[in-house]
Amino acid sequence: MGYLKDLFKQKADAHSKEIKGIIEKYGNTKIEDVTLAQVYQGMRGITGLVTETSLLDANEGIRFRGYSIPELREKLPKAEKGNEPLPEGLFYLMLIGEVPSENDVDHLSAVLARRSHVPNYVFAVIESFPTSAHPMTQFTAAILALQTESKFAKAYNEGLSKKDYWSFVYEDAMTLIARLPRIAAYIYRRKYRNGEHIQPDGMLDWAGNFAHMLGFEDESFKELMRLYLTIHADHEGGNVSAHATHLVGSALSDPYLSFAAGMTGLAGPLHGLANQEVIRWIDEMCKELNNAEPSKEEIAAYIKKTLAEGKVVPGYGHAVLRKTDPRFIAQMEFAKRHCPDNSMIKTVWNIYEVAPPILENTGKIKNPWPNVDAHSGALLKHYGLIEEDFYTVMFGVSRALGVLASLCWDRALGFPIERPKSITTDWVKKNIMKETVAE
């Protein structure tokens, strides 16, 4: 991995020097005022992190190192005869800040393949769970089991200079990324395919090999995995999985512990589990209407019924975005090329036409447009990956690329432990409301 690691160090040193100059000159500049509502309501929209790998713009969508998703699909290297970007190329871009060549990506794919061996005791940990355990529970436990392999933890215990933190975090991040597809596929085959496991194929790329180990040899499914693992990789630093990984890593917890923390956040219904909720809502609608391909009128009526019951339409709305998620568009374009006649996918497209104006007319929803979750499950179901509980594990395999690239940058730039200030409601009453508070 030598030249990529050396290149990262060169980039990090130059960027660290630039940041020091920025802080020295502009460190006292105020970025924004924080409202009391933001403090109480999840710190929504408060600028408090630097994440170099990606930036989410409310009107443009996600950009990875300045590149939009359409640009990534055009510029990043692809598999032979493929049309979708290789996720390894996105990792290289997030880590180095430059679009990689085909040779760069081939080299990275080969390195990940060489590091992908998972120790048997990790499989033993997975096997210790009942097969009824949620896949995300098994996935997180396996990541924690791998922590015994941490080079950072070992080096730190032996005495490690701060200037070398990044090097060992980098080594752990690369090894963890390499092993995640094998772990995820093992969980899938154990839980849903009677424990009939498929050995990795070292000649395949990272995403193609993941598809192979899951048991899907269709070339278009491998293409879907390349797209899926690319578009789910990062979404700047404020989302739960990215922020949790960054936060725990700021305490100098090694990448295995940090990423496990991110995955426990991803497992929440308001984050990574959202893709399950979309499919289940569509299934329930079709079942209630007794129609596998309901009309737009039927869909509109069902949406209004959902809202009247005080529920949300899953897959619609986003904390930051104020337009259709470019990740949704990328999946829709993929579906139009590979599976335009699938009933559920056509239903997803009909919902896309019907839902936004209904949601907008409520006057209560800032963003009536679909996010990435509104489409992903329907594509997976088309290819026969029908086990909705597993979808978040696939999300987690992808998210590793972004959060671990960011963790390498955190340590290379010497970011300190994260420790925001908190207040009490009594403090608010006394200092803002000017009430007398009993001591």
Protein backbone atom coordinates (compact mmCIF):
# COMPACT_ATOMS: atom_id res chain seq x y z
CA MET A 1 0.00 0.00 0.00
CA GLY A 2 3.13 2.13 0.18
CA TYR A 3 2.62 4.80 -2.45
CA LEU A 4 -0.98 5.61 -1.47
CA LYS A 5 -0.03 5.92 2.17
CA ASP A 6 2.94 8.14 1.30
CA LEU A 7 0.73 10.27 -0.94
CA PHE A 8 -1.83 10.66 1.86
CA LYS A 9 0.90 11.79 4.27
CA GLN A 10 2.16 14.34 1.73
CA LYS A 11 -1.38 15.72 1.26
CA ALA A 12 -2.10 15.71 5.00
CA ASP A 13 1.08 17.60 5.90
CA ALA A 14 0.33 20.31 3.35
CA HIS A 15 -3.29 20.59 4.46
CA SER A 16 -2.37 20.66 8.14
CA LYS A 17 -0.04 23.59 7.48
CA GLU A 18 -2.82 25.36 5.58
CA ILE A 19 -5.31 24.85 8.43
CA LYS A 20 -2.89 26.19 11.03
CA GLY A 21 -2.54 29.34 8.96
CA ILE A 22 -6.32 29.68 8.66
CA ILE A 23 -6.82 29.30 12.40
CA GLU A 24 -4.03 31.76 13.16
CA LYS A 25 -5.52 34.40 10.89
CA TYR A 26 -9.26 33.74 11.13
CA GLY A 27 -9.65 31.71 14.32
CA ASN A 28 -11.80 34.32 16.07
CA THR A 29 -14.19 34.74 13.15
CA LYS A 30 -17.76 33.80 14.07
CA ILE A 31 -19.44 31.54 11.55
CA GLU A 32 -23.04 31.80 12.74
CA ASP A 33 -25.32 32.46 15.68
CA VAL A 34 -26.88 29.46 17.38
CA THR A 35 -30.54 29.61 18.38
CA LEU A 36 -32.01 28.10 21.50
CA ALA A 37 -34.26 25.93 19.32
CA GLN A 38 -31.16 24.42 17.70
CA VAL A 39 -29.68 23.65 21.11
CA TYR A 40 -32.85 21.84 22.18
CA GLN A 41 -33.68 20.20 18.88
CA GLY A 42 -30.71 18.01 18.07
CA MET A 43 -28.19 20.74 17.22
CA ARG A 44 -29.86 20.82 13.79
CA GLY A 45 -27.83 22.88 11.33
CA ILE A 46 -25.20 24.06 13.81
CA THR A 47 -21.82 24.25 12.08
CA GLY A 48 -19.42 22.53 14.46
CA LEU A 49 -17.39 20.01 12.48
CA VAL A 50 -14.83 19.90 9.71
CA THR A 51 -15.23 16.88 7.43
CA GLU A 52 -12.92 17.01 4.44
CA THR A 53 -14.39 14.12 2.45
CA SER A 54 -17.80 15.49 1.42
CA LEU A 55 -20.16 18.45 1.73
CA LEU A 56 -23.95 18.42 1.61
CA ASP A 57 -25.55 21.46 0.03
CA ALA A 58 -29.29 21.94 0.59
CA ASN A 59 -29.89 22.84 -3.04
CA GLU A 60 -27.17 20.92 -4.88
CA GLY A 61 -26.98 17.70 -2.90
CA ILE A 62 -23.90 15.76 -1.86
CA ARG A 63 -20.50 16.57 -3.33
CA PHE A 64 -17.49 14.35 -2.69
CA ARG A 65 -14.37 16.50 -2.75
CA GLY A 66 -16.31 18.91 -4.92
CA TYR A 67 -17.66 16.29 -7.36
CA SER A 68 -21.39 15.61 -7.74
CA ILE A 69 -22.75 12.09 -8.08
CA PRO A 70 -23.28 12.45 -11.86
CA GLU A 71 -19.68 13.61 -12.16
CA LEU A 72 -18.46 10.65 -10.10
CA ARG A 73 -20.37 8.24 -12.33
CA GLU A 74 -18.62 9.79 -15.30
CA LYS A 75 -15.09 10.32 -13.97
CA LEU A 76 -14.32 7.46 -11.55
CA PRO A 77 -12.80 4.27 -12.98
CA LYS A 78 -15.19 1.42 -13.73
CA ALA A 79 -14.99 -2.35 -13.87
CA GLU A 80 -14.29 -3.90 -17.27
CA LYS A 81 -17.44 -3.52 -19.41
CA GLY A 82 -19.11 -1.75 -16.47
CA ASN A 83 -20.95 1.57 -16.34
CA GLU A 84 -20.91 2.32 -12.61
CA PRO A 85 -18.01 3.72 -10.56
CA LEU A 86 -15.86 1.44 -8.46
CA PRO A 87 -16.21 2.35 -4.75
CA GLU A 88 -12.47 1.99 -4.31
CA GLY A 89 -12.11 4.98 -6.59
CA LEU A 90 -14.36 7.06 -4.36
CA PHE A 91 -12.34 6.03 -1.30
CA TYR A 92 -9.17 7.15 -3.07
CA LEU A 93 -10.83 10.46 -3.96
CA MET A 94 -12.00 11.07 -0.39
CA LEU A 95 -8.61 10.13 1.04
CA ILE A 96 -6.34 11.96 -1.42
CA GLY A 97 -8.62 14.62 -2.90
CA GLU A 98 -7.83 13.66 -6.50
CA VAL A 99 -9.66 11.51 -9.04
CA PRO A 100 -7.70 8.23 -9.28
CA SER A 101 -6.45 6.57 -12.43
CA GLU A 102 -7.46 3.04 -13.39
CA ASN A 103 -4.05 1.85 -12.16
CA ASP A 104 -4.63 3.53 -8.79
CA VAL A 105 -7.95 1.74 -8.37
CA ASP A 106 -6.65 -1.61 -9.60
CA HIS A 107 -3.83 -1.35 -7.08
CA LEU A 108 -6.22 -0.45 -4.26
CA SER A 109 -8.57 -3.34 -5.17
CA ALA A 110 -5.62 -5.75 -5.05
CA VAL A 111 -4.45 -4.43 -1.68
CA LEU A 112 -7.93 -4.76 -0.18
CA ALA A 113 -8.13 -8.32 -1.49
CA ARG A 114 -4.82 -9.18 0.19
CA ARG A 115 -6.04 -7.74 3.52
CA SER A 116 -9.46 -9.34 3.42
CA HIS A 117 -8.77 -12.52 5.42
CA VAL A 118 -11.04 -12.65 8.47
CA PRO A 119 -9.77 -14.58 11.52
CA ASN A 120 -11.84 -17.63 12.44
CA TYR A 121 -12.60 -16.32 15.93
CA VAL A 122 -14.62 -13.50 14.36
CA PHE A 123 -16.84 -16.05 12.65
CA ALA A 124 -17.10 -17.84 15.99
CA VAL A 125 -18.42 -14.65 17.58
CA ILE A 126 -21.06 -14.39 14.84
CA GLU A 127 -21.97 -18.05 15.31
CA SER A 128 -22.50 -17.45 19.03
CA PHE A 129 -25.60 -15.38 18.23
CA PRO A 130 -28.97 -16.97 17.55
CA THR A 131 -29.81 -16.66 13.86
CA SER A 132 -32.79 -14.55 14.94
CA ALA A 133 -30.42 -11.76 16.04
CA HIS A 134 -30.69 -8.66 13.88
CA PRO A 135 -27.96 -8.56 11.20
CA MET A 136 -26.76 -5.18 12.48
CA THR A 137 -26.25 -6.66 15.96
CA GLN A 138 -24.12 -9.44 14.48
CA PHE A 139 -22.28 -6.99 12.23
CA THR A 140 -21.35 -4.64 15.07
CA ALA A 141 -20.26 -7.52 17.30
CA ALA A 142 -18.01 -8.85 14.53
CA ILE A 143 -16.40 -5.42 14.12
CA LEU A 144 -15.72 -5.31 17.86
CA ALA A 145 -14.25 -8.80 17.70
CA LEU A 146 -11.85 -7.61 15.01
CA GLN A 147 -10.60 -4.93 17.38
CA THR A 148 -8.02 -7.39 18.72
CA GLU A 149 -6.28 -6.87 15.38
CA SER A 150 -5.88 -3.11 15.89
CA LYS A 151 -2.39 -1.88 15.09
CA PHE A 152 -3.23 1.54 16.51
CA ALA A 153 -4.29 0.13 19.90
CA LYS A 154 -1.14 -2.01 20.09
CA ALA A 155 1.19 0.82 19.09
CA TYR A 156 -0.49 3.28 21.46
CA ASN A 157 -0.12 0.87 24.38
CA GLU A 158 3.57 0.52 23.58
CA GLY A 159 4.06 4.30 23.45
CA LEU A 160 3.24 6.19 20.28
CA SER A 161 4.15 9.73 19.24
CA LYS A 162 1.19 11.95 18.30
CA LYS A 163 2.75 12.62 14.92
CA ASP A 164 2.43 8.91 14.10
CA TYR A 165 -1.22 8.40 15.14
CA TRP A 166 -2.40 8.78 11.56
CA SER A 167 -0.17 5.98 10.25
CA PHE A 168 -1.64 3.29 12.48
CA VAL A 169 -5.20 4.58 12.08
CA TYR A 170 -4.64 4.36 8.33
CA GLU A 171 -3.48 0.73 8.61
CA ASP A 172 -6.51 -0.22 10.73
CA ALA A 173 -8.90 1.60 8.40
CA MET A 174 -7.57 -0.18 5.32
CA THR A 175 -7.79 -3.61 6.94
CA LEU A 176 -11.26 -3.00 8.31
CA ILE A 177 -12.58 -1.82 4.93
CA ALA A 178 -11.05 -4.90 3.30
CA ARG A 179 -12.76 -7.33 5.70
CA LEU A 180 -16.24 -5.83 5.98
CA PRO A 181 -17.71 -7.41 2.81
CA ARG A 182 -16.62 -10.88 3.97
CA ILE A 183 -18.17 -10.35 7.40
CA ALA A 184 -21.40 -8.93 6.00
CA ALA A 185 -21.75 -11.74 3.46
CA TYR A 186 -21.09 -14.35 6.15
CA ILE A 187 -23.92 -12.91 8.26
CA TYR A 188 -26.24 -12.90 5.24
CA ARG A 189 -25.52 -16.49 4.22
CA ARG A 190 -25.75 -17.70 7.82
CA LYS A 191 -29.07 -16.02 8.54
CA TYR A 192 -30.86 -16.34 5.21
CA ARG A 193 -29.11 -19.09 3.23
CA ASN A 194 -28.78 -21.96 5.74
CA GLY A 195 -25.15 -21.18 6.49
CA GLU A 196 -24.04 -22.15 2.98
CA HIS A 197 -21.10 -19.78 2.67
CA ILE A 198 -19.32 -18.67 -0.49
CA GLN A 199 -15.57 -18.11 -0.50
CA PRO A 200 -14.23 -14.77 -1.74
CA ASP A 201 -12.89 -14.36 -5.26
CA GLY A 202 -9.66 -12.37 -5.11
CA MET A 203 -9.86 -11.55 -8.81
CA LEU A 204 -12.98 -9.42 -8.35
CA ASP A 205 -13.19 -5.80 -7.27
CA TRP A 206 -14.34 -4.93 -3.73
CA ALA A 207 -18.04 -4.51 -4.58
CA GLY A 208 -18.13 -7.28 -7.18
CA ASN A 209 -16.65 -9.69 -4.66
CA PHE A 210 -19.24 -8.63 -2.09
CA ALA A 211 -22.02 -9.47 -4.56
CA HIS A 212 -20.34 -12.81 -5.28
CA MET A 213 -20.07 -13.74 -1.59
CA LEU A 214 -23.71 -12.79 -1.04
CA GLY A 215 -24.55 -15.31 -3.77
CA PHE A 216 -25.55 -12.99 -6.63
CA GLU A 217 -23.59 -13.59 -9.83
CA ASP A 218 -25.71 -11.45 -12.16
CA GLU A 219 -23.38 -8.85 -13.66
CA SER A 220 -26.02 -6.14 -13.35
CA PHE A 221 -26.34 -6.88 -9.63
CA LYS A 222 -22.58 -6.43 -9.31
CA GLU A 223 -23.05 -3.10 -11.07
CA LEU A 224 -25.79 -2.22 -8.60
CA MET A 225 -23.43 -3.01 -5.70
CA ARG A 226 -20.78 -0.73 -7.20
CA LEU A 227 -23.30 2.10 -7.44
CA TYR A 228 -24.92 1.36 -4.06
CA LEU A 229 -21.60 1.21 -2.18
CA THR A 230 -20.49 4.44 -3.85
CA ILE A 231 -23.55 6.60 -3.22
CA HIS A 232 -24.00 5.49 0.42
CA ALA A 233 -20.36 6.04 1.36
CA ASP A 234 -20.51 9.50 2.91
CA HIS A 235 -22.90 12.37 3.61
CA GLU A 236 -20.67 14.95 5.31
CA GLY A 237 -19.97 14.75 9.05
CA GLY A 238 -23.16 15.62 10.89
CA ASN A 239 -25.20 12.46 10.31
CA VAL A 240 -25.29 10.01 13.21
CA SER A 241 -22.98 7.30 11.84
CA ALA A 242 -20.33 9.77 10.64
CA HIS A 243 -20.52 11.94 13.74
CA ALA A 244 -20.45 8.96 16.12
CA THR A 245 -17.37 7.54 14.39
CA HIS A 246 -15.66 10.93 14.54
CA LEU A 247 -16.67 11.55 18.16
CA VAL A 248 -15.46 8.21 19.49
CA GLY A 249 -12.32 8.46 17.39
CA SER A 250 -11.59 11.87 18.91
CA ALA A 251 -11.03 10.07 22.22
CA LEU A 252 -8.28 8.09 20.40
CA SER A 253 -10.40 4.98 20.33
CA ASP A 254 -9.06 2.87 17.47
CA PRO A 255 -10.91 2.62 14.13
CA TYR A 256 -12.61 -0.65 15.08
CA LEU A 257 -14.17 0.82 18.22
CA SER A 258 -14.97 4.08 16.45
CA PHE A 259 -16.62 2.43 13.47
CA ALA A 260 -18.60 0.08 15.74
CA ALA A 261 -20.00 3.18 17.45
CA GLY A 262 -21.00 4.56 14.07
CA MET A 263 -22.76 1.31 13.19
CA THR A 264 -24.81 1.29 16.39
CA GLY A 265 -26.02 4.73 15.29
CA LEU A 266 -26.69 3.57 11.73
CA ALA A 267 -28.89 0.81 13.17
CA GLY A 268 -31.42 3.37 14.43
CA PRO A 269 -34.83 3.71 12.71
CA LEU A 270 -34.19 7.42 12.07
CA HIS A 271 -30.94 6.70 10.24
CA GLY A 272 -29.90 3.51 8.44
CA LEU A 273 -33.05 1.51 9.14
CA ALA A 274 -35.08 3.99 7.12
CA ASN A 275 -34.59 1.96 3.93
CA GLN A 276 -36.49 -0.92 5.57
CA GLU A 277 -39.37 1.37 6.47
CA VAL A 278 -39.85 2.46 2.83
CA ILE A 279 -40.21 -1.09 1.52
CA ARG A 280 -42.55 -2.10 4.32
CA TRP A 281 -44.74 0.94 3.70
CA ILE A 282 -44.98 0.12 -0.01
CA ASP A 283 -45.70 -3.54 0.76
CA GLU A 284 -48.44 -2.57 3.19
CA MET A 285 -49.96 -0.20 0.64
CA CYS A 286 -50.02 -2.82 -2.10
CA LYS A 287 -51.46 -5.41 0.26
CA GLU A 288 -54.20 -3.08 1.50
CA LEU A 289 -55.07 -2.05 -2.04
CA ASN A 290 -54.78 -5.63 -3.27
CA ASN A 291 -52.76 -4.33 -6.18
CA ALA A 292 -49.07 -4.96 -6.90
CA GLU A 293 -48.96 -1.88 -9.12
CA PRO A 294 -51.42 0.68 -7.73
CA SER A 295 -52.50 3.66 -9.79
CA LYS A 296 -51.37 7.20 -9.03
CA GLU A 297 -54.85 7.95 -7.73
CA GLU A 298 -54.71 5.00 -5.33
CA ILE A 299 -51.24 6.01 -4.19
CA ALA A 300 -52.37 9.59 -3.57
CA ALA A 301 -55.30 8.39 -1.45
CA TYR A 302 -53.03 6.09 0.55
CA ILE A 303 -50.53 8.88 1.17
CA LYS A 304 -53.29 11.13 2.47
CA LYS A 305 -54.52 8.29 4.69
CA THR A 306 -50.98 7.81 6.05
CA LEU A 307 -50.69 11.50 6.89
CA ALA A 308 -54.17 11.60 8.43
CA GLU A 309 -53.12 8.81 10.79
CA GLY A 310 -50.27 10.99 12.04
CA LYS A 311 -47.60 8.94 10.26
CA VAL A 312 -44.88 9.95 7.83
CA VAL A 313 -44.32 8.82 4.28
CA PRO A 314 -40.97 7.02 4.64
CA GLY A 315 -38.23 7.94 2.21
CA TYR A 316 -39.47 11.51 1.78
CA GLY A 317 -37.82 14.51 3.40
CA HIS A 318 -34.26 15.10 4.54
CA ALA A 319 -32.68 17.03 7.40
CA VAL A 320 -30.60 19.16 5.01
CA LEU A 321 -31.61 18.61 1.39
CA ARG A 322 -34.27 20.79 -0.19
CA LYS A 323 -34.44 18.98 -3.54
CA THR A 324 -34.66 15.44 -4.87
CA ASP A 325 -31.70 13.50 -3.50
CA PRO A 326 -29.16 12.98 -6.33
CA ARG A 327 -28.68 9.47 -4.94
CA PHE A 328 -32.34 8.76 -5.69
CA ILE A 329 -31.86 10.04 -9.25
CA ALA A 330 -28.78 7.83 -9.73
CA GLN A 331 -30.73 4.75 -8.69
CA MET A 332 -33.68 5.71 -10.86
CA GLU A 333 -31.37 6.02 -13.87
CA PHE A 334 -29.88 2.62 -13.05
CA ALA A 335 -33.36 1.08 -12.82
CA LYS A 336 -34.43 2.59 -16.15
CA ARG A 337 -31.45 0.87 -17.76
CA HIS A 338 -31.69 -2.50 -16.03
CA CYS A 339 -35.22 -3.15 -14.74
CA PRO A 340 -37.78 -0.61 -15.97
CA ASP A 341 -40.69 -3.09 -15.96
CA ASN A 342 -40.46 -4.15 -12.32
CA SER A 343 -43.80 -3.47 -10.59
CA MET A 344 -42.36 -2.21 -7.31
CA ILE A 345 -39.89 0.05 -9.08
CA LYS A 346 -42.68 1.52 -11.21
CA THR A 347 -44.60 2.09 -7.98
CA VAL A 348 -41.58 3.93 -6.54
CA TRP A 349 -41.59 6.19 -9.60
CA ASN A 350 -45.33 6.80 -9.30
CA ILE A 351 -44.93 7.73 -5.64
CA TYR A 352 -42.23 10.17 -6.76
CA GLU A 353 -44.73 11.89 -9.03
CA VAL A 354 -47.58 11.89 -6.52
CA ALA A 355 -46.06 12.40 -3.06
CA PRO A 356 -44.20 15.77 -3.28
CA PRO A 357 -47.19 18.00 -4.09
CA ILE A 358 -49.32 16.32 -1.42
CA LEU A 359 -46.59 16.72 1.20
CA GLU A 360 -45.91 20.29 0.11
CA ASN A 361 -49.57 21.22 0.44
CA THR A 362 -49.58 20.26 4.11
CA GLY A 363 -47.48 23.35 4.77
CA LYS A 364 -45.58 21.46 7.45
CA ILE A 365 -42.82 19.78 5.44
CA LYS A 366 -39.71 21.70 4.38
CA ASN A 367 -38.57 19.07 1.93
CA PRO A 368 -41.25 17.02 0.15
CA TRP A 369 -38.72 15.29 -2.12
CA PRO A 370 -37.40 11.70 -1.92
CA ASN A 371 -34.10 10.75 -0.34
CA VAL A 372 -31.83 7.81 -1.11
CA ASP A 373 -33.94 5.34 0.90
CA ALA A 374 -37.00 5.89 -1.30
CA HIS A 375 -35.46 3.81 -4.10
CA SER A 376 -32.73 1.50 -2.81
CA GLY A 377 -34.87 -1.29 -1.36
CA ALA A 378 -36.92 -1.73 -4.52
CA LEU A 379 -33.76 -2.28 -6.56
CA LEU A 380 -32.45 -4.86 -4.11
CA LYS A 381 -35.78 -6.69 -4.13
CA HIS A 382 -35.77 -6.81 -7.92
CA TYR A 383 -32.60 -8.89 -7.84
CA GLY A 384 -33.90 -11.21 -5.13
CA LEU A 385 -32.23 -9.69 -2.10
CA ILE A 386 -35.55 -9.52 -0.28
CA GLU A 387 -34.33 -9.63 3.32
CA GLU A 388 -35.02 -6.07 4.46
CA ASP A 389 -33.29 -6.45 7.82
CA PHE A 390 -30.00 -6.86 5.96
CA TYR A 391 -30.20 -3.62 3.99
CA THR A 392 -28.64 -1.53 6.77
CA VAL A 393 -25.62 -3.86 6.91
CA MET A 394 -25.01 -3.11 3.24
CA PHE A 395 -25.35 0.60 4.05
CA GLY A 396 -22.75 0.07 6.80
CA VAL A 397 -20.25 -1.62 4.48
CA SER A 398 -20.50 1.41 2.21
CA ARG A 399 -20.41 4.02 4.98
CA ALA A 400 -17.05 2.64 6.14
CA LEU A 401 -15.41 4.25 3.11
CA GLY A 402 -16.36 7.77 4.11
CA VAL A 403 -16.10 7.67 7.88
CA LEU A 404 -12.78 5.82 7.92
CA ALA A 405 -11.26 8.13 5.31
CA SER A 406 -12.41 10.99 7.56
CA LEU A 407 -10.91 9.31 10.61
CA CYS A 408 -7.54 9.14 8.87
CA TRP A 409 -7.79 12.87 8.22
CA ASP A 410 -8.84 13.57 11.83
CA ARG A 411 -5.64 11.99 13.14
CA ALA A 412 -3.41 13.38 10.38
CA LEU A 413 -4.64 16.90 11.17
CA GLY A 414 -4.33 16.35 14.92
CA PHE A 415 -7.96 17.17 15.72
CA PRO A 416 -8.56 17.19 19.51
CA ILE A 417 -11.13 15.33 21.56
CA GLU A 418 -14.62 16.64 20.85
CA ARG A 419 -16.26 18.23 23.86
CA PRO A 420 -19.12 20.70 23.18
CA LYS A 421 -20.62 22.74 26.02
CA SER A 422 -24.06 21.84 27.32
CA ILE A 423 -26.52 23.83 29.43
CA THR A 424 -29.54 23.09 31.59
CA THR A 425 -33.13 24.32 31.25
CA ASP A 426 -32.65 26.12 34.59
CA TRP A 427 -29.73 27.99 32.99
CA VAL A 428 -32.05 28.96 30.11
CA LYS A 429 -34.71 30.21 32.49
CA LYS A 430 -32.20 32.24 34.49
CA ASN A 431 -30.03 33.68 31.70
CA ILE A 432 -32.40 33.95 28.73
CA MET A 433 -35.89 34.08 30.22
CA LYS A 434 -34.54 36.09 33.20
CA GLU A 435 -36.61 34.05 35.64
CA THR A 436 -35.66 33.54 39.27
CA VAL A 437 -34.69 29.92 39.71
CA ALA A 438 -34.77 28.23 43.11
CA GLU A 439 -31.32 27.18 44.21
